[in-house]
Amino acid sequence: MPRANLALAVIGDEIGPSLDEMIEFARSEKVSRLDMRTVAGRNLLGMEPAEIDAIAGRLRAAGIAVPTFVSPLLKWTAPGRGTSAGKVDFAFDPAQCPAPDPFAYAVEVAERLGARRLRIFSYLRYPEYRPDDLAEPIGRLTALAERHDLTLELENEPVCNVGTIAELRAFFDRFDHPRLRPLVDICNAWSMGERPTADDLARLAPRADQIHLKDRDVAARRTVALGEGDMPWATDLAHLLDRVSAPEVLASIETHVPAEPRAATTRSVAALRRLAREIGVTLS
C-alpha cells in the first residue's frame, strides 16, 4: 500500500489572536487551510451564529478552507466527577455556549464554517476513569455526526482522560464507529513522559486521518516549533503514514509557543515542508 500524503493546515489562533493576522499569514505562507478554535481570545463555541457567519465569510473571501472546527467539546469536568487536571489551556465552560445543547451547537458551528471535521475530547482527567464512562456522550455525538455527515476527531490531550497514545488506543479498542477517528498528537504524549510504541501507532493508524504537529524539548520540558526539539518526527510520521487507510492525512500545525506564535508557526510550516520531502510524501 502506498504511503499516504499530507494536507497542510494551521490552527488559526496559533498564528495570532485576530482574524486579520490569520488571513495575512495564510496569504504570505501560501497556506490554504486554517483549523479554527478561537478569535480574539474567544472560543467559537461561545459565539453567536452571526459572529460565526462573519468569520466564515471572511475566510471564504480570502480563499481559505476550514477543515476542522477545533472545538472544546468535553474539555470540561464530567458530570458528577471531580478532576485532577491542573491548568487547562483553552478551557471551556459549557454554560458559555449561546445554545442549550453544546453538542448540537458545535455541529452547527462546524457547518457554518464549512468544516467536515469536529474535534472532541474525553472530559478532564479524573481518578478511576474507564473508556465506558464516555459511552453516553460518544453515542450522542456519533448520532449527530451521522445526521450531519461529519467526522469526529478525538484528540489525546494531557489534561483529559485520553492523554497518551496508549490511552487513545484503549479508547478506540472500545469504540468502533465509522464517524469516529483518532486525532493523533504524539507531542502531547511526549509531554506526559510517554514515547508512543510502534505497536500503538500501528493499531491507531488505519483509522487516523488527522494529526497535530509540534515538537518537544525534553530537557527544558517545553513545547517548541516543529523540527526544533527531540522528537523523531521523520520516523514516527513515516511509520504512521505507511499504515493509514486514507489516501491523505490532514497535518495540522498546533505550535504551542506563546512567546512567539507567528514566528514559531512560520518555522513549523517550513519544517513540515522539509519533513514531507525527507520522507517522500506530497504536502498539499
C-alpha atoms as a PDB file:
ATOM      1  CA  MET A   1       0.000   0.000   0.000  1.00  0.00           C
ATOM      2  CA  PRO A   2       1.468   3.415  -0.953  1.00  0.00           C
ATOM      3  CA  ARG A   3       2.333   5.869   1.790  1.00  0.00           C
ATOM      4  CA  ALA A   4      -0.419   8.427   2.450  1.00  0.00           C
ATOM      5  CA  ASN A   5       0.199  12.063   1.564  1.00  0.00           C
ATOM      6  CA  LEU A   6      -0.291  15.117   3.775  1.00  0.00           C
ATOM      7  CA  ALA A   7      -2.607  18.122   3.604  1.00  0.00           C
ATOM      8  CA  LEU A   8      -1.220  21.149   5.452  1.00  0.00           C
ATOM      9  CA  ALA A   9      -3.399  23.106   7.866  1.00  0.00           C
ATOM     10  CA  VAL A  10      -2.616  25.540  10.686  1.00  0.00           C
ATOM     11  CA  ILE A  11      -4.739  26.165  13.769  1.00  0.00           C
ATOM     12  CA  GLY A  12      -5.573  29.817  13.257  1.00  0.00           C
ATOM     13  CA  ASP A  13      -5.009  31.172  16.749  1.00  0.00           C
ATOM     14  CA  GLU A  14      -1.507  29.635  16.819  1.00  0.00           C
ATOM     15  CA  ILE A  15      -0.609  32.494  14.446  1.00  0.00           C
ATOM     16  CA  GLY A  16      -2.144  35.323  16.454  1.00  0.00           C
ATOM     17  CA  PRO A  17      -5.442  36.233  18.115  1.00  0.00           C
ATOM     18  CA  SER A  18      -7.028  38.296  15.339  1.00  0.00           C
ATOM     19  CA  LEU A  19      -8.634  37.080  12.136  1.00  0.00           C
ATOM     20  CA  ASP A  20      -6.631  39.701  10.230  1.00  0.00           C
ATOM     21  CA  GLU A  21      -3.371  38.103  11.422  1.00  0.00           C
ATOM     22  CA  MET A  22      -4.571  34.628  10.498  1.00  0.00           C
ATOM     23  CA  ILE A  23      -5.594  35.628   6.976  1.00  0.00           C
ATOM     24  CA  GLU A  24      -2.436  37.650   6.330  1.00  0.00           C
ATOM     25  CA  PHE A  25      -0.273  34.734   7.484  1.00  0.00           C
ATOM     26  CA  ALA A  26      -2.140  32.286   5.248  1.00  0.00           C
ATOM     27  CA  ARG A  27      -1.566  34.540   2.255  1.00  0.00           C
ATOM     28  CA  SER A  28       2.118  35.155   2.953  1.00  0.00           C
ATOM     29  CA  GLU A  29       2.925  31.490   3.725  1.00  0.00           C
ATOM     30  CA  LYS A  30       0.726  30.046   0.949  1.00  0.00           C
ATOM     31  CA  VAL A  31      -1.439  28.142   3.417  1.00  0.00           C
ATOM     32  CA  SER A  32      -4.937  27.426   2.132  1.00  0.00           C
ATOM     33  CA  ARG A  33      -6.406  25.730   5.233  1.00  0.00           C
ATOM     34  CA  LEU A  34      -6.972  27.052   8.751  1.00  0.00           C
ATOM     35  CA  ASP A  35      -8.470  24.936  11.522  1.00  0.00           C
ATOM     36  CA  MET A  36     -10.469  27.330  13.703  1.00  0.00           C
ATOM     37  CA  ARG A  37     -10.659  27.425  17.518  1.00  0.00           C
ATOM     38  CA  THR A  38     -10.684  30.992  18.896  1.00  0.00           C
ATOM     39  CA  VAL A  39     -10.741  34.517  17.514  1.00  0.00           C
ATOM     40  CA  ALA A  40      -9.732  37.478  19.678  1.00  0.00           C
ATOM     41  CA  GLY A  41      -9.406  35.108  22.629  1.00  0.00           C
ATOM     42  CA  ARG A  42     -12.990  33.859  22.373  1.00  0.00           C
ATOM     43  CA  ASN A  43     -13.843  30.255  21.612  1.00  0.00           C
ATOM     44  CA  LEU A  44     -16.106  29.905  18.606  1.00  0.00           C
ATOM     45  CA  LEU A  45     -18.380  27.618  20.641  1.00  0.00           C
ATOM     46  CA  GLY A  46     -19.197  30.673  22.785  1.00  0.00           C
ATOM     47  CA  MET A  47     -20.033  32.963  19.846  1.00  0.00           C
ATOM     48  CA  GLU A  48     -23.405  33.809  18.364  1.00  0.00           C
ATOM     49  CA  PRO A  49     -24.312  32.429  14.907  1.00  0.00           C
ATOM     50  CA  ALA A  50     -23.933  35.842  13.269  1.00  0.00           C
ATOM     51  CA  GLU A  51     -20.370  36.099  14.578  1.00  0.00           C
ATOM     52  CA  ILE A  52     -19.529  32.669  13.175  1.00  0.00           C
ATOM     53  CA  ASP A  53     -21.030  33.606   9.817  1.00  0.00           C
ATOM     54  CA  ALA A  54     -18.927  36.779   9.671  1.00  0.00           C
ATOM     55  CA  ILE A  55     -15.729  34.807  10.362  1.00  0.00           C
ATOM     56  CA  ALA A  56     -16.649  32.128   7.822  1.00  0.00           C
ATOM     57  CA  GLY A  57     -17.461  34.758   5.203  1.00  0.00           C
ATOM     58  CA  ARG A  58     -14.092  36.478   5.558  1.00  0.00           C
ATOM     59  CA  LEU A  59     -12.230  33.177   5.335  1.00  0.00           C
ATOM     60  CA  ARG A  60     -14.135  32.123   2.228  1.00  0.00           C
ATOM     61  CA  ALA A  61     -13.488  35.507   0.605  1.00  0.00           C
ATOM     62  CA  ALA A  62      -9.773  35.004   1.268  1.00  0.00           C
ATOM     63  CA  GLY A  63      -9.849  31.557  -0.347  1.00  0.00           C
ATOM     64  CA  ILE A  64      -9.182  29.783   2.954  1.00  0.00           C
ATOM     65  CA  ALA A  65     -10.902  26.473   3.766  1.00  0.00           C
ATOM     66  CA  VAL A  66     -11.673  25.317   7.318  1.00  0.00           C
ATOM     67  CA  PRO A  67     -11.209  21.533   7.503  1.00  0.00           C
ATOM     68  CA  THR A  68     -11.813  21.284  11.272  1.00  0.00           C
ATOM     69  CA  PHE A  69     -13.748  23.125  13.929  1.00  0.00           C
ATOM     70  CA  VAL A  70     -11.221  22.639  16.732  1.00  0.00           C
ATOM     71  CA  SER A  71     -13.954  22.630  19.360  1.00  0.00           C
ATOM     72  CA  PRO A  72     -13.577  22.252  23.147  1.00  0.00           C
ATOM     73  CA  LEU A  73     -16.317  19.622  23.378  1.00  0.00           C
ATOM     74  CA  LEU A  74     -15.846  17.507  26.541  1.00  0.00           C
ATOM     75  CA  LYS A  75     -12.859  19.588  27.647  1.00  0.00           C
ATOM     76  CA  TRP A  76     -14.692  20.173  30.878  1.00  0.00           C
ATOM     77  CA  THR A  77     -15.438  18.289  34.089  1.00  0.00           C
ATOM     78  CA  ALA A  78     -17.565  15.176  33.674  1.00  0.00           C
ATOM     79  CA  PRO A  79     -20.966  15.280  35.394  1.00  0.00           C
ATOM     80  CA  GLY A  80     -20.700  14.138  38.998  1.00  0.00           C
ATOM     81  CA  ARG A  81     -16.896  13.943  38.898  1.00  0.00           C
ATOM     82  CA  GLY A  82     -14.039  15.956  40.273  1.00  0.00           C
ATOM     83  CA  THR A  83     -10.864  16.365  38.265  1.00  0.00           C
ATOM     84  CA  SER A  84      -7.146  16.021  38.797  1.00  0.00           C
ATOM     85  CA  ALA A  85      -6.363  18.263  35.819  1.00  0.00           C
ATOM     86  CA  GLY A  86      -4.169  21.258  36.505  1.00  0.00           C
ATOM     87  CA  LYS A  87      -4.013  24.343  34.296  1.00  0.00           C
ATOM     88  CA  VAL A  88      -6.255  23.854  31.253  1.00  0.00           C
ATOM     89  CA  ASP A  89      -5.340  25.674  28.042  1.00  0.00           C
ATOM     90  CA  PHE A  90      -8.385  26.727  26.029  1.00  0.00           C
ATOM     91  CA  ALA A  91     -10.691  25.621  28.824  1.00  0.00           C
ATOM     92  CA  PHE A  92     -14.408  25.995  28.167  1.00  0.00           C
ATOM     93  CA  ASP A  93     -17.443  26.151  30.407  1.00  0.00           C
ATOM     94  CA  PRO A  94     -20.439  24.722  28.509  1.00  0.00           C
ATOM     95  CA  ALA A  95     -22.596  27.343  30.228  1.00  0.00           C
ATOM     96  CA  GLN A  96     -20.865  29.885  27.956  1.00  0.00           C
ATOM     97  CA  CYS A  97     -22.465  28.296  24.898  1.00  0.00           C
ATOM     98  CA  PRO A  98     -25.273  30.507  23.494  1.00  0.00           C
ATOM     99  CA  ALA A  99     -27.418  27.420  22.768  1.00  0.00           C
ATOM    100  CA  PRO A 100     -28.886  24.978  25.295  1.00  0.00           C
ATOM    101  CA  ASP A 101     -27.112  21.939  23.782  1.00  0.00           C
ATOM    102  CA  PRO A 102     -23.351  22.486  23.219  1.00  0.00           C
ATOM    103  CA  PHE A 103     -23.094  19.258  21.216  1.00  0.00           C
ATOM    104  CA  ALA A 104     -25.710  20.320  18.672  1.00  0.00           C
ATOM    105  CA  TYR A 105     -24.348  23.855  18.593  1.00  0.00           C
ATOM    106  CA  ALA A 106     -20.798  22.623  17.907  1.00  0.00           C
ATOM    107  CA  VAL A 107     -22.173  20.767  14.887  1.00  0.00           C
ATOM    108  CA  GLU A 108     -23.920  23.981  13.774  1.00  0.00           C
ATOM    109  CA  VAL A 109     -20.695  25.975  14.160  1.00  0.00           C
ATOM    110  CA  ALA A 110     -18.800  23.384  12.095  1.00  0.00           C
ATOM    111  CA  GLU A 111     -21.408  23.565   9.349  1.00  0.00           C
ATOM    112  CA  ARG A 112     -21.373  27.375   9.318  1.00  0.00           C
ATOM    113  CA  LEU A 113     -17.578  27.243   8.907  1.00  0.00           C
ATOM    114  CA  GLY A 114     -17.824  24.618   6.170  1.00  0.00           C
ATOM    115  CA  ALA A 115     -15.801  22.193   8.322  1.00  0.00           C
ATOM    116  CA  ARG A 116     -16.341  18.458   7.861  1.00  0.00           C
ATOM    117  CA  ARG A 117     -14.324  17.532  10.969  1.00  0.00           C
ATOM    118  CA  LEU A 118     -15.214  18.265  14.604  1.00  0.00           C
ATOM    119  CA  ARG A 119     -12.515  17.872  17.292  1.00  0.00           C
ATOM    120  CA  ILE A 120     -13.644  16.449  20.659  1.00  0.00           C
ATOM    121  CA  PHE A 121     -12.064  15.428  23.984  1.00  0.00           C
ATOM    122  CA  SER A 122     -12.700  12.934  26.796  1.00  0.00           C
ATOM    123  CA  TYR A 123     -13.571  15.043  29.896  1.00  0.00           C
ATOM    124  CA  LEU A 124     -10.965  16.496  32.237  1.00  0.00           C
ATOM    125  CA  ARG A 125      -8.889  13.760  33.838  1.00  0.00           C
ATOM    126  CA  TYR A 126     -10.252  12.111  36.984  1.00  0.00           C
ATOM    127  CA  PRO A 127      -9.289   9.026  39.008  1.00  0.00           C
ATOM    128  CA  GLU A 128     -10.650   5.623  38.003  1.00  0.00           C
ATOM    129  CA  TYR A 129     -11.715   6.737  34.518  1.00  0.00           C
ATOM    130  CA  ARG A 130     -12.720   3.914  32.159  1.00  0.00           C
ATOM    131  CA  PRO A 131     -13.474   4.232  28.422  1.00  0.00           C
ATOM    132  CA  ASP A 132     -17.047   3.050  29.104  1.00  0.00           C
ATOM    133  CA  ASP A 133     -17.599   6.321  31.011  1.00  0.00           C
ATOM    134  CA  LEU A 134     -17.769   8.062  27.628  1.00  0.00           C
ATOM    135  CA  ALA A 135     -20.445   5.813  26.137  1.00  0.00           C
ATOM    136  CA  GLU A 136     -23.326   8.279  26.578  1.00  0.00           C
ATOM    137  CA  PRO A 137     -21.687  11.445  25.156  1.00  0.00           C
ATOM    138  CA  ILE A 138     -19.979   9.496  22.372  1.00  0.00           C
ATOM    139  CA  GLY A 139     -23.312   7.927  21.462  1.00  0.00           C
ATOM    140  CA  ARG A 140     -24.957  11.345  21.229  1.00  0.00           C
ATOM    141  CA  LEU A 141     -22.085  12.780  19.218  1.00  0.00           C
ATOM    142  CA  THR A 142     -21.889   9.919  16.714  1.00  0.00           C
ATOM    143  CA  ALA A 143     -25.636  10.183  16.138  1.00  0.00           C
ATOM    144  CA  LEU A 144     -25.214  13.902  15.361  1.00  0.00           C
ATOM    145  CA  ALA A 145     -22.221  13.180  13.142  1.00  0.00           C
ATOM    146  CA  GLU A 146     -24.211  10.647  11.130  1.00  0.00           C
ATOM    147  CA  ARG A 147     -27.114  13.057  10.740  1.00  0.00           C
ATOM    148  CA  HIS A 148     -24.876  15.918   9.583  1.00  0.00           C
ATOM    149  CA  ASP A 149     -22.208  13.988   7.651  1.00  0.00           C
ATOM    150  CA  LEU A 150     -19.355  14.951   9.987  1.00  0.00           C
ATOM    151  CA  THR A 151     -16.254  13.166  11.243  1.00  0.00           C
ATOM    152  CA  LEU A 152     -15.494  13.320  14.973  1.00  0.00           C
ATOM    153  CA  GLU A 153     -11.782  13.619  15.800  1.00  0.00           C
ATOM    154  CA  LEU A 154     -10.954  12.572  19.364  1.00  0.00           C
ATOM    155  CA  GLU A 155      -7.627  14.095  20.446  1.00  0.00           C
ATOM    156  CA  ASN A 156      -5.315  12.768  23.120  1.00  0.00           C
ATOM    157  CA  GLU A 157      -4.863  15.744  25.489  1.00  0.00           C
ATOM    158  CA  PRO A 158      -2.778  15.612  28.706  1.00  0.00           C
ATOM    159  CA  VAL A 159      -5.394  17.244  30.966  1.00  0.00           C
ATOM    160  CA  CYS A 160      -8.102  14.876  29.709  1.00  0.00           C
ATOM    161  CA  ASN A 161      -8.782  11.200  30.376  1.00  0.00           C
ATOM    162  CA  VAL A 162      -7.389  10.257  26.979  1.00  0.00           C
ATOM    163  CA  GLY A 163      -3.960  11.867  27.122  1.00  0.00           C
ATOM    164  CA  THR A 164      -1.375   9.370  25.904  1.00  0.00           C
ATOM    165  CA  ILE A 165      -1.262   7.387  22.687  1.00  0.00           C
ATOM    166  CA  ALA A 166      -1.790   4.211  24.749  1.00  0.00           C
ATOM    167  CA  GLU A 167      -4.968   5.757  26.214  1.00  0.00           C
ATOM    168  CA  LEU A 168      -6.090   6.784  22.743  1.00  0.00           C
ATOM    169  CA  ARG A 169      -5.612   3.206  21.590  1.00  0.00           C
ATOM    170  CA  ALA A 170      -7.612   1.927  24.594  1.00  0.00           C
ATOM    171  CA  PHE A 171     -10.451   4.299  23.697  1.00  0.00           C
ATOM    172  CA  PHE A 172     -10.575   3.042  20.108  1.00  0.00           C
ATOM    173  CA  ASP A 173     -10.349  -0.560  21.249  1.00  0.00           C
ATOM    174  CA  ARG A 174     -13.671   0.173  22.999  1.00  0.00           C
ATOM    175  CA  PHE A 175     -15.386   2.460  20.452  1.00  0.00           C
ATOM    176  CA  ASP A 176     -15.645   1.431  16.818  1.00  0.00           C
ATOM    177  CA  HIS A 177     -17.744   3.803  14.740  1.00  0.00           C
ATOM    178  CA  PRO A 178     -17.132   4.980  11.172  1.00  0.00           C
ATOM    179  CA  ARG A 179     -17.750   8.608  12.192  1.00  0.00           C
ATOM    180  CA  LEU A 180     -15.171   8.485  14.997  1.00  0.00           C
ATOM    181  CA  ARG A 181     -11.438   8.816  14.348  1.00  0.00           C
ATOM    182  CA  PRO A 182      -8.282   9.368  16.421  1.00  0.00           C
ATOM    183  CA  LEU A 183      -6.703  12.820  16.217  1.00  0.00           C
ATOM    184  CA  VAL A 184      -3.160  11.672  16.939  1.00  0.00           C
ATOM    185  CA  ASP A 185      -0.985  14.143  18.869  1.00  0.00           C
ATOM    186  CA  ILE A 186       2.358  12.448  19.506  1.00  0.00           C
ATOM    187  CA  CYS A 187       3.872  15.534  21.154  1.00  0.00           C
ATOM    188  CA  ASN A 188       1.069  15.616  23.719  1.00  0.00           C
ATOM    189  CA  ALA A 189       2.076  12.081  24.704  1.00  0.00           C
ATOM    190  CA  TRP A 190       5.731  13.085  24.981  1.00  0.00           C
ATOM    191  CA  SER A 191       4.740  15.952  27.301  1.00  0.00           C
ATOM    192  CA  MET A 192       3.326  13.287  29.655  1.00  0.00           C
ATOM    193  CA  GLY A 193       6.535  11.271  29.538  1.00  0.00           C
ATOM    194  CA  GLU A 194       5.250   8.687  27.045  1.00  0.00           C
ATOM    195  CA  ARG A 195       7.157   7.863  23.892  1.00  0.00           C
ATOM    196  CA  PRO A 196       4.500   6.008  21.899  1.00  0.00           C
ATOM    197  CA  THR A 197       5.245   2.458  20.873  1.00  0.00           C
ATOM    198  CA  ALA A 198       5.316   1.427  17.249  1.00  0.00           C
ATOM    199  CA  ASP A 199       2.551  -1.058  18.060  1.00  0.00           C
ATOM    200  CA  ASP A 200       0.221   1.604  19.476  1.00  0.00           C
ATOM    201  CA  LEU A 201       0.777   3.836  16.439  1.00  0.00           C
ATOM    202  CA  ALA A 202       0.269   0.889  14.094  1.00  0.00           C
ATOM    203  CA  ARG A 203      -3.017  -0.018  15.794  1.00  0.00           C
ATOM    204  CA  LEU A 204      -4.354   3.554  15.509  1.00  0.00           C
ATOM    205  CA  ALA A 205      -3.009   4.333  12.045  1.00  0.00           C
ATOM    206  CA  PRO A 206      -5.672   2.583   9.916  1.00  0.00           C
ATOM    207  CA  ARG A 207      -8.359   4.807  11.455  1.00  0.00           C
ATOM    208  CA  ALA A 208      -6.370   8.068  11.542  1.00  0.00           C
ATOM    209  CA  ASP A 209      -6.971  10.872   9.067  1.00  0.00           C
ATOM    210  CA  GLN A 210      -5.630  13.829  11.089  1.00  0.00           C
ATOM    211  CA  ILE A 211      -2.562  14.590  13.212  1.00  0.00           C
ATOM    212  CA  HIS A 212      -1.383  17.580  15.235  1.00  0.00           C
ATOM    213  CA  LEU A 213       2.226  18.646  14.794  1.00  0.00           C
ATOM    214  CA  LYS A 214       4.533  20.338  17.281  1.00  0.00           C
ATOM    215  CA  ASP A 215       7.842  19.383  18.925  1.00  0.00           C
ATOM    216  CA  ARG A 216       9.268  18.836  22.420  1.00  0.00           C
ATOM    217  CA  ASP A 217      12.491  19.947  24.095  1.00  0.00           C
ATOM    218  CA  VAL A 218      12.724  17.169  26.661  1.00  0.00           C
ATOM    219  CA  ALA A 219      15.467  18.683  28.841  1.00  0.00           C
ATOM    220  CA  ALA A 220      13.706  22.044  29.047  1.00  0.00           C
ATOM    221  CA  ARG A 221      10.293  20.355  29.428  1.00  0.00           C
ATOM    222  CA  ARG A 222       8.662  22.693  26.941  1.00  0.00           C
ATOM    223  CA  THR A 223       6.992  22.632  23.558  1.00  0.00           C
ATOM    224  CA  VAL A 224       8.970  24.130  20.683  1.00  0.00           C
ATOM    225  CA  ALA A 225       8.477  24.745  16.981  1.00  0.00           C
ATOM    226  CA  LEU A 226       8.372  21.672  14.779  1.00  0.00           C
ATOM    227  CA  GLY A 227      11.891  20.474  13.953  1.00  0.00           C
ATOM    228  CA  GLU A 228      13.487  22.259  16.912  1.00  0.00           C
ATOM    229  CA  GLY A 229      13.001  19.544  19.541  1.00  0.00           C
ATOM    230  CA  ASP A 230      13.910  15.949  20.291  1.00  0.00           C
ATOM    231  CA  MET A 231      11.066  14.085  18.646  1.00  0.00           C
ATOM    232  CA  PRO A 232      11.945  11.626  15.839  1.00  0.00           C
ATOM    233  CA  TRP A 233       9.286  13.056  13.550  1.00  0.00           C
ATOM    234  CA  ALA A 234      10.595  11.547  10.321  1.00  0.00           C
ATOM    235  CA  THR A 235      10.480   8.041  11.804  1.00  0.00           C
ATOM    236  CA  ASP A 236       7.122   8.384  13.569  1.00  0.00           C
ATOM    237  CA  LEU A 237       5.401  10.158  10.701  1.00  0.00           C
ATOM    238  CA  ALA A 238       6.589   7.645   8.111  1.00  0.00           C
ATOM    239  CA  HIS A 239       5.524   4.780  10.392  1.00  0.00           C
ATOM    240  CA  LEU A 240       2.037   6.299  10.709  1.00  0.00           C
ATOM    241  CA  LEU A 241       1.605   7.196   7.038  1.00  0.00           C
ATOM    242  CA  ASP A 242       2.653   3.715   5.927  1.00  0.00           C
ATOM    243  CA  ARG A 243      -0.345   2.259   7.761  1.00  0.00           C
ATOM    244  CA  VAL A 244      -3.241   4.711   7.398  1.00  0.00           C
ATOM    245  CA  SER A 245      -6.172   3.697   5.210  1.00  0.00           C
ATOM    246  CA  ALA A 246      -6.962   7.209   3.965  1.00  0.00           C
ATOM    247  CA  PRO A 247      -5.000   8.406   0.907  1.00  0.00           C
ATOM    248  CA  GLU A 248      -4.320  11.729   2.662  1.00  0.00           C
ATOM    249  CA  VAL A 249      -3.878  12.824   6.283  1.00  0.00           C
ATOM    250  CA  LEU A 250      -4.659  16.344   7.484  1.00  0.00           C
ATOM    251  CA  ALA A 251      -1.437  17.595   9.111  1.00  0.00           C
ATOM    252  CA  SER A 252      -2.426  20.454  11.388  1.00  0.00           C
ATOM    253  CA  ILE A 253       0.261  22.705  12.889  1.00  0.00           C
ATOM    254  CA  GLU A 254      -0.514  23.354  16.572  1.00  0.00           C
ATOM    255  CA  THR A 255       2.620  25.268  17.521  1.00  0.00           C
ATOM    256  CA  HIS A 256       2.027  25.957  21.246  1.00  0.00           C
ATOM    257  CA  VAL A 257       4.845  28.527  21.511  1.00  0.00           C
ATOM    258  CA  PRO A 258       3.021  31.510  23.058  1.00  0.00           C
ATOM    259  CA  ALA A 259       6.160  33.645  23.384  1.00  0.00           C
ATOM    260  CA  GLU A 260       6.457  33.924  19.585  1.00  0.00           C
ATOM    261  CA  PRO A 261       3.370  32.364  17.999  1.00  0.00           C
ATOM    262  CA  ARG A 262       3.656  33.655  14.455  1.00  0.00           C
ATOM    263  CA  ALA A 263       7.420  33.207  14.114  1.00  0.00           C
ATOM    264  CA  ALA A 264       7.330  29.686  15.569  1.00  0.00           C
ATOM    265  CA  THR A 265       4.386  28.756  13.344  1.00  0.00           C
ATOM    266  CA  THR A 266       6.256  30.059  10.289  1.00  0.00           C
ATOM    267  CA  ARG A 267       9.240  27.871  11.197  1.00  0.00           C
ATOM    268  CA  SER A 268       6.917  24.907  11.828  1.00  0.00           C
ATOM    269  CA  VAL A 269       5.332  25.206   8.377  1.00  0.00           C
ATOM    270  CA  ALA A 270       8.791  25.315   6.801  1.00  0.00           C
ATOM    271  CA  ALA A 271       9.860  22.294   8.869  1.00  0.00           C
ATOM    272  CA  LEU A 272       6.826  20.275   7.781  1.00  0.00           C
ATOM    273  CA  ARG A 273       7.585  21.031   4.149  1.00  0.00           C
ATOM    274  CA  ARG A 274      11.161  19.780   4.659  1.00  0.00           C
ATOM    275  CA  LEU A 275       9.901  16.740   6.552  1.00  0.00           C
ATOM    276  CA  ALA A 276       7.490  15.810   3.755  1.00  0.00           C
ATOM    277  CA  ARG A 277      10.344  15.913   1.238  1.00  0.00           C
ATOM    278  CA  GLU A 278      12.541  13.840   3.568  1.00  0.00           C
ATOM    279  CA  ILE A 279      10.018  11.007   3.887  1.00  0.00           C
ATOM    280  CA  GLY A 280       8.900  11.205   0.260  1.00  0.00           C
ATOM    281  CA  VAL A 281       5.289  12.330   0.542  1.00  0.00           C
ATOM    282  CA  THR A 282       3.341  15.073  -1.175  1.00  0.00           C
ATOM    283  CA  LEU A 283       2.299  18.000   1.019  1.00  0.00           C
ATOM    284  CA  SER A 284      -0.582  19.948  -0.469  1.00  0.00           C
END
